Amino acid sequence: QIQKVIELNNSYKDGGNKLDPSHIYIAG
């Protein structure tokens, strides 16, 4: 893909736990 759109409110971590979009500490 040359474009990736990520909806933070519908994001899950590896293992199935929901990502907390109000506390993003690292993006890379």
PDB file of all heavy atoms in Angstrom:
ATOM      1  N   GLN A   1       0.829  -1.201   0.000  1.00  0.00           N
ATOM      2  CA  GLN A   1       0.000   0.000   0.000  1.00  0.00           C
ATOM      3  C   GLN A   1       0.865   1.253   0.000  1.00  0.00           C
ATOM      4  O   GLN A   1       1.937   1.280   0.591  1.00  0.00           O
ATOM      5  CB  GLN A   1      -0.907   0.034   1.223  1.00  0.00           C
ATOM      6  CG  GLN A   1      -1.917  -1.088   1.258  1.00  0.00           C
ATOM      7  CD  GLN A   1      -2.717  -1.068   2.545  1.00  0.00           C
ATOM      8  OE1 GLN A   1      -2.195  -0.740   3.593  1.00  0.00           O
ATOM      9  NE2 GLN A   1      -3.980  -1.424   2.442  1.00  0.00           N
ATOM     10  N   ILE A   2       0.390   2.288  -0.667  1.00  0.00           N
ATOM     11  CA  ILE A   2       1.109   3.559  -0.658  1.00  0.00           C
ATOM     12  C   ILE A   2       0.422   4.575   0.236  1.00  0.00           C
ATOM     13  O   ILE A   2       0.939   5.659   0.453  1.00  0.00           O
ATOM     14  CB  ILE A   2       1.287   4.126  -2.081  1.00  0.00           C
ATOM     15  CG1 ILE A   2      -0.057   4.364  -2.745  1.00  0.00           C
ATOM     16  CG2 ILE A   2       2.174   3.215  -2.907  1.00  0.00           C
ATOM     17  CD1 ILE A   2       0.026   5.132  -4.046  1.00  0.00           C
ATOM     18  N   GLN A   3      -0.748   4.234   0.783  1.00  0.00           N
ATOM     19  CA  GLN A   3      -1.423   5.105   1.739  1.00  0.00           C
ATOM     20  C   GLN A   3      -2.063   4.220   2.797  1.00  0.00           C
ATOM     21  O   GLN A   3      -2.641   3.184   2.498  1.00  0.00           O
ATOM     22  CB  GLN A   3      -2.501   5.955   1.077  1.00  0.00           C
ATOM     23  CG  GLN A   3      -3.239   6.832   2.067  1.00  0.00           C
ATOM     24  CD  GLN A   3      -4.306   7.704   1.417  1.00  0.00           C
ATOM     25  OE1 GLN A   3      -4.516   7.651   0.215  1.00  0.00           O
ATOM     26  NE2 GLN A   3      -4.963   8.499   2.207  1.00  0.00           N
ATOM     27  N   LYS A   4      -1.936   4.638   4.043  1.00  0.00           N
ATOM     28  CA  LYS A   4      -2.542   3.885   5.144  1.00  0.00           C
ATOM     29  C   LYS A   4      -3.319   4.868   6.003  1.00  0.00           C
ATOM     30  O   LYS A   4      -2.758   5.830   6.511  1.00  0.00           O
ATOM     31  CB  LYS A   4      -1.448   3.216   5.969  1.00  0.00           C
ATOM     32  CG  LYS A   4      -1.933   2.219   6.950  1.00  0.00           C
ATOM     33  CD  LYS A   4      -2.325   0.959   6.234  1.00  0.00           C
ATOM     34  CE  LYS A   4      -2.379  -0.224   7.147  1.00  0.00           C
ATOM     35  NZ  LYS A   4      -2.745  -1.424   6.437  1.00  0.00           N
ATOM     36  N   VAL A   5      -4.612   4.653   6.140  1.00  0.00           N
ATOM     37  CA  VAL A   5      -5.469   5.468   6.991  1.00  0.00           C
ATOM     38  C   VAL A   5      -5.814   4.630   8.210  1.00  0.00           C
ATOM     39  O   VAL A   5      -6.313   3.518   8.077  1.00  0.00           O
ATOM     40  CB  VAL A   5      -6.749   5.906   6.251  1.00  0.00           C
ATOM     41  CG1 VAL A   5      -7.659   6.690   7.172  1.00  0.00           C
ATOM     42  CG2 VAL A   5      -6.381   6.732   5.021  1.00  0.00           C
ATOM     43  N   ILE A   6      -5.536   5.166   9.392  1.00  0.00           N
ATOM     44  CA  ILE A   6      -5.758   4.433  10.633  1.00  0.00           C
ATOM     45  C   ILE A   6      -6.789   5.171  11.468  1.00  0.00           C
ATOM     46  O   ILE A   6      -6.613   6.345  11.787  1.00  0.00           O
ATOM     47  CB  ILE A   6      -4.439   4.297  11.415  1.00  0.00           C
ATOM     48  CG1 ILE A   6      -3.426   3.519  10.578  1.00  0.00           C
ATOM     49  CG2 ILE A   6      -4.676   3.630  12.766  1.00  0.00           C
ATOM     50  CD1 ILE A   6      -2.016   3.597  11.068  1.00  0.00           C
ATOM     51  N   GLU A   7      -7.862   4.501  11.786  1.00  0.00           N
ATOM     52  CA  GLU A   7      -8.888   5.081  12.648  1.00  0.00           C
ATOM     53  C   GLU A   7      -8.539   4.718  14.093  1.00  0.00           C
ATOM     54  O   GLU A   7      -8.704   3.575  14.512  1.00  0.00           O
ATOM     55  CB  GLU A   7     -10.261   4.554  12.275  1.00  0.00           C
ATOM     56  CG  GLU A   7     -10.699   4.984  10.887  1.00  0.00           C
ATOM     57  CD  GLU A   7     -12.104   4.497  10.565  1.00  0.00           C
ATOM     58  OE1 GLU A   7     -12.937   4.401  11.479  1.00  0.00           O
ATOM     59  OE2 GLU A   7     -12.325   4.212   9.384  1.00  0.00           O
ATOM     60  N   LEU A   8      -8.061   5.703  14.844  1.00  0.00           N
ATOM     61  CA  LEU A   8      -7.579   5.437  16.196  1.00  0.00           C
ATOM     62  C   LEU A   8      -8.666   4.887  17.114  1.00  0.00           C
ATOM     63  O   LEU A   8      -8.383   4.059  17.979  1.00  0.00           O
ATOM     64  CB  LEU A   8      -6.985   6.707  16.802  1.00  0.00           C
ATOM     65  CG  LEU A   8      -5.720   7.226  16.122  1.00  0.00           C
ATOM     66  CD1 LEU A   8      -5.263   8.512  16.778  1.00  0.00           C
ATOM     67  CD2 LEU A   8      -4.624   6.193  16.153  1.00  0.00           C
ATOM     68  N   ASN A   9      -9.891   5.346  16.950  1.00  0.00           N
ATOM     69  CA  ASN A   9     -10.965   4.874  17.830  1.00  0.00           C
ATOM     70  C   ASN A   9     -11.348   3.424  17.579  1.00  0.00           C
ATOM     71  O   ASN A   9     -12.049   2.825  18.386  1.00  0.00           O
ATOM     72  CB  ASN A   9     -12.199   5.774  17.698  1.00  0.00           C
ATOM     73  CG  ASN A   9     -11.966   7.120  18.320  1.00  0.00           C
ATOM     74  OD1 ASN A   9     -11.261   7.246  19.320  1.00  0.00           O
ATOM     75  ND2 ASN A   9     -12.538   8.151  17.738  1.00  0.00           N
ATOM     76  N   ASN A  10     -10.899   2.858  16.467  1.00  0.00           N
ATOM     77  CA  ASN A  10     -11.187   1.459  16.144  1.00  0.00           C
ATOM     78  C   ASN A  10      -9.905   0.650  16.016  1.00  0.00           C
ATOM     79  O   ASN A  10      -9.828  -0.262  15.207  1.00  0.00           O
ATOM     80  CB  ASN A  10     -11.998   1.373  14.843  1.00  0.00           C
ATOM     81  CG  ASN A  10     -13.356   2.004  14.983  1.00  0.00           C
ATOM     82  OD1 ASN A  10     -14.027   1.826  15.991  1.00  0.00           O
ATOM     83  ND2 ASN A  10     -13.761   2.772  13.989  1.00  0.00           N
ATOM     84  N   SER A  11      -8.896   0.997  16.806  1.00  0.00           N
ATOM     85  CA  SER A  11      -7.600   0.328  16.718  1.00  0.00           C
ATOM     86  C   SER A  11      -7.401  -0.640  17.872  1.00  0.00           C
ATOM     87  O   SER A  11      -7.772  -0.357  19.010  1.00  0.00           O
ATOM     88  CB  SER A  11      -6.472   1.365  16.742  1.00  0.00           C
ATOM     89  OG  SER A  11      -6.535   2.173  15.605  1.00  0.00           O
ATOM     90  N   TYR A  12      -6.802  -1.783  17.540  1.00  0.00           N
ATOM     91  CA  TYR A  12      -6.537  -2.807  18.539  1.00  0.00           C
ATOM     92  C   TYR A  12      -5.069  -3.194  18.511  1.00  0.00           C
ATOM     93  O   TYR A  12      -4.442  -3.258  17.460  1.00  0.00           O
ATOM     94  CB  TYR A  12      -7.408  -4.043  18.277  1.00  0.00           C
ATOM     95  CG  TYR A  12      -8.861  -3.771  18.552  1.00  0.00           C
ATOM     96  CD1 TYR A  12      -9.682  -3.221  17.574  1.00  0.00           C
ATOM     97  CD2 TYR A  12      -9.391  -4.026  19.806  1.00  0.00           C
ATOM     98  CE1 TYR A  12     -11.008  -2.947  17.842  1.00  0.00           C
ATOM     99  CE2 TYR A  12     -10.717  -3.752  20.082  1.00  0.00           C
ATOM    100  CZ  TYR A  12     -11.518  -3.205  19.093  1.00  0.00           C
ATOM    101  OH  TYR A  12     -12.821  -2.926  19.369  1.00  0.00           O
ATOM    102  N   LYS A  13      -4.536  -3.455  19.692  1.00  0.00           N
ATOM    103  CA  LYS A  13      -3.152  -3.881  19.816  1.00  0.00           C
ATOM    104  C   LYS A  13      -3.047  -5.368  19.477  1.00  0.00           C
ATOM    105  O   LYS A  13      -4.050  -6.086  19.509  1.00  0.00           O
ATOM    106  CB  LYS A  13      -2.646  -3.629  21.235  1.00  0.00           C
ATOM    107  CG  LYS A  13      -2.669  -2.169  21.620  1.00  0.00           C
ATOM    108  CD  LYS A  13      -2.004  -1.917  22.938  1.00  0.00           C
ATOM    109  CE  LYS A  13      -2.932  -2.180  24.087  1.00  0.00           C
ATOM    110  NZ  LYS A  13      -2.338  -1.791  25.377  1.00  0.00           N
ATOM    111  N   ASP A  14      -1.838  -5.782  19.151  1.00  0.00           N
ATOM    112  CA  ASP A  14      -1.590  -7.197  18.904  1.00  0.00           C
ATOM    113  C   ASP A  14      -1.992  -7.954  20.160  1.00  0.00           C
ATOM    114  O   ASP A  14      -1.554  -7.632  21.252  1.00  0.00           O
ATOM    115  CB  ASP A  14      -0.102  -7.401  18.590  1.00  0.00           C
ATOM    116  CG  ASP A  14       0.176  -8.767  18.021  1.00  0.00           C
ATOM    117  OD1 ASP A  14      -0.721  -9.329  17.376  1.00  0.00           O
ATOM    118  OD2 ASP A  14       1.298  -9.257  18.227  1.00  0.00           O
ATOM    119  N   GLY A  15      -2.858  -8.920  20.025  1.00  0.00           N
ATOM    120  CA  GLY A  15      -3.375  -9.638  21.178  1.00  0.00           C
ATOM    121  C   GLY A  15      -4.832  -9.304  21.447  1.00  0.00           C
ATOM    122  O   GLY A  15      -5.474  -9.923  22.269  1.00  0.00           O
ATOM    123  N   GLY A  16      -5.370  -8.280  20.757  1.00  0.00           N
ATOM    124  CA  GLY A  16      -6.787  -7.991  20.823  1.00  0.00           C
ATOM    125  C   GLY A  16      -7.244  -6.908  21.775  1.00  0.00           C
ATOM    126  O   GLY A  16      -8.412  -6.567  21.793  1.00  0.00           O
ATOM    127  N   ASN A  17      -6.354  -6.340  22.582  1.00  0.00           N
ATOM    128  CA  ASN A  17      -6.762  -5.260  23.479  1.00  0.00           C
ATOM    129  C   ASN A  17      -6.921  -3.963  22.700  1.00  0.00           C
ATOM    130  O   ASN A  17      -6.142  -3.664  21.800  1.00  0.00           O
ATOM    131  CB  ASN A  17      -5.743  -5.057  24.603  1.00  0.00           C
ATOM    132  CG  ASN A  17      -5.701  -6.237  25.543  1.00  0.00           C
ATOM    133  OD1 ASN A  17      -6.709  -6.883  25.778  1.00  0.00           O
ATOM    134  ND2 ASN A  17      -4.521  -6.530  26.070  1.00  0.00           N
ATOM    135  N   LYS A  18      -7.913  -3.169  23.074  1.00  0.00           N
ATOM    136  CA  LYS A  18      -8.187  -1.902  22.396  1.00  0.00           C
ATOM    137  C   LYS A  18      -7.090  -0.888  22.705  1.00  0.00           C
ATOM    138  O   LYS A  18      -6.652  -0.763  23.835  1.00  0.00           O
ATOM    139  CB  LYS A  18      -9.545  -1.369  22.831  1.00  0.00           C
ATOM    140  CG  LYS A  18     -10.037  -0.217  21.989  1.00  0.00           C
ATOM    141  CD  LYS A  18     -11.541  -0.063  22.154  1.00  0.00           C
ATOM    142  CE  LYS A  18     -12.097   1.105  21.396  1.00  0.00           C
ATOM    143  NZ  LYS A  18     -11.928   1.069  19.983  1.00  0.00           N
ATOM    144  N   LEU A  19      -6.640  -0.172  21.682  1.00  0.00           N
ATOM    145  CA  LEU A  19      -5.667   0.903  21.833  1.00  0.00           C
ATOM    146  C   LEU A  19      -6.359   2.100  22.466  1.00  0.00           C
ATOM    147  O   LEU A  19      -7.489   2.436  22.110  1.00  0.00           O
ATOM    148  CB  LEU A  19      -5.116   1.303  20.456  1.00  0.00           C
ATOM    149  CG  LEU A  19      -4.093   2.434  20.432  1.00  0.00           C
ATOM    150  CD1 LEU A  19      -2.742   1.912  20.912  1.00  0.00           C
ATOM    151  CD2 LEU A  19      -3.971   2.994  19.033  1.00  0.00           C
ATOM    152  N   ASP A  20      -5.699   2.764  23.416  1.00  0.00           N
ATOM    153  CA  ASP A  20      -6.250   3.964  24.044  1.00  0.00           C
ATOM    154  C   ASP A  20      -5.757   5.177  23.260  1.00  0.00           C
ATOM    155  O   ASP A  20      -4.623   5.613  23.427  1.00  0.00           O
ATOM    156  CB  ASP A  20      -5.806   4.054  25.496  1.00  0.00           C
ATOM    157  CG  ASP A  20      -6.383   5.259  26.217  1.00  0.00           C
ATOM    158  OD1 ASP A  20      -7.067   6.085  25.577  1.00  0.00           O
ATOM    159  OD2 ASP A  20      -6.144   5.376  27.433  1.00  0.00           O
ATOM    160  N   PRO A  21      -6.574   5.758  22.361  1.00  0.00           N
ATOM    161  CA  PRO A  21      -6.113   6.852  21.511  1.00  0.00           C
ATOM    162  C   PRO A  21      -5.829   8.150  22.268  1.00  0.00           C
ATOM    163  O   PRO A  21      -5.208   9.047  21.736  1.00  0.00           O
ATOM    164  CB  PRO A  21      -7.258   7.043  20.510  1.00  0.00           C
ATOM    165  CG  PRO A  21      -8.448   6.487  21.184  1.00  0.00           C
ATOM    166  CD  PRO A  21      -7.959   5.392  22.086  1.00  0.00           C
ATOM    167  N   SER A  22      -6.247   8.242  23.534  1.00  0.00           N
ATOM    168  CA  SER A  22      -5.968   9.456  24.299  1.00  0.00           C
ATOM    169  C   SER A  22      -4.568   9.436  24.901  1.00  0.00           C
ATOM    170  O   SER A  22      -4.131  10.437  25.475  1.00  0.00           O
ATOM    171  CB  SER A  22      -7.007   9.635  25.411  1.00  0.00           C
ATOM    172  OG  SER A  22      -6.852   8.633  26.403  1.00  0.00           O
ATOM    173  N   HIS A  23      -3.860   8.322  24.789  1.00  0.00           N
ATOM    174  CA  HIS A  23      -2.519   8.204  25.365  1.00  0.00           C
ATOM    175  C   HIS A  23      -1.549   7.563  24.370  1.00  0.00           C
ATOM    176  O   HIS A  23      -1.035   6.474  24.614  1.00  0.00           O
ATOM    177  CB  HIS A  23      -2.560   7.363  26.639  1.00  0.00           C
ATOM    178  CG  HIS A  23      -3.262   8.012  27.760  1.00  0.00           C
ATOM    179  ND1 HIS A  23      -4.615   7.895  27.960  1.00  0.00           N
ATOM    180  CD2 HIS A  23      -2.805   8.831  28.729  1.00  0.00           C
ATOM    181  CE1 HIS A  23      -4.958   8.583  29.026  1.00  0.00           C
ATOM    182  NE2 HIS A  23      -3.886   9.170  29.508  1.00  0.00           N
ATOM    183  N   ILE A  24      -1.313   8.203  23.256  1.00  0.00           N
ATOM    184  CA  ILE A  24      -0.329   7.697  22.299  1.00  0.00           C
ATOM    185  C   ILE A  24       1.028   8.262  22.708  1.00  0.00           C
ATOM    186  O   ILE A  24       1.257   9.462  22.664  1.00  0.00           O
ATOM    187  CB  ILE A  24      -0.671   8.117  20.846  1.00  0.00           C
ATOM    188  CG1 ILE A  24      -2.059   7.631  20.449  1.00  0.00           C
ATOM    189  CG2 ILE A  24       0.401   7.609  19.878  1.00  0.00           C
ATOM    190  CD1 ILE A  24      -2.216   6.139  20.400  1.00  0.00           C
ATOM    191  N   TYR A  25       1.919   7.380  23.144  1.00  0.00           N
ATOM    192  CA  TYR A  25       3.241   7.803  23.601  1.00  0.00           C
ATOM    193  C   TYR A  25       4.297   7.677  22.503  1.00  0.00           C
ATOM    194  O   TYR A  25       5.203   8.484  22.416  1.00  0.00           O
ATOM    195  CB  TYR A  25       3.692   6.976  24.809  1.00  0.00           C
ATOM    196  CG  TYR A  25       2.930   7.297  26.063  1.00  0.00           C
ATOM    197  CD1 TYR A  25       1.843   6.536  26.455  1.00  0.00           C
ATOM    198  CD2 TYR A  25       3.297   8.375  26.857  1.00  0.00           C
ATOM    199  CE1 TYR A  25       1.144   6.825  27.608  1.00  0.00           C
ATOM    200  CE2 TYR A  25       2.609   8.683  28.010  1.00  0.00           C
ATOM    201  CZ  TYR A  25       1.531   7.905  28.384  1.00  0.00           C
ATOM    202  OH  TYR A  25       0.838   8.199  29.514  1.00  0.00           O
ATOM    203  N   ILE A  26       4.185   6.638  21.703  1.00  0.00           N
ATOM    204  CA  ILE A  26       5.197   6.380  20.676  1.00  0.00           C
ATOM    205  C   ILE A  26       4.485   6.019  19.377  1.00  0.00           C
ATOM    206  O   ILE A  26       3.541   5.232  19.380  1.00  0.00           O
ATOM    207  CB  ILE A  26       6.121   5.210  21.076  1.00  0.00           C
ATOM    208  CG1 ILE A  26       6.801   5.484  22.427  1.00  0.00           C
ATOM    209  CG2 ILE A  26       7.174   4.961  19.986  1.00  0.00           C
ATOM    210  CD1 ILE A  26       7.492   4.259  23.010  1.00  0.00           C
ATOM    211  N   ALA A  27       4.929   6.611  18.287  1.00  0.00           N
ATOM    212  CA  ALA A  27       4.449   6.262  16.954  1.00  0.00           C
ATOM    213  C   ALA A  27       5.686   6.123  16.076  1.00  0.00           C
ATOM    214  O   ALA A  27       6.559   6.983  16.101  1.00  0.00           O
ATOM    215  CB  ALA A  27       3.524   7.337  16.397  1.00  0.00           C
ATOM    216  N   GLY A  28       5.783   5.034  15.345  1.00  0.00           N
ATOM    217  CA  GLY A  28       6.968   4.869  14.528  1.00  0.00           C
ATOM    218  C   GLY A  28       6.844   3.774  13.502  1.00  0.00           C
ATOM    219  O   GLY A  28       5.882   3.007  13.485  1.00  0.00           O
TER     220      GLY A  28
END
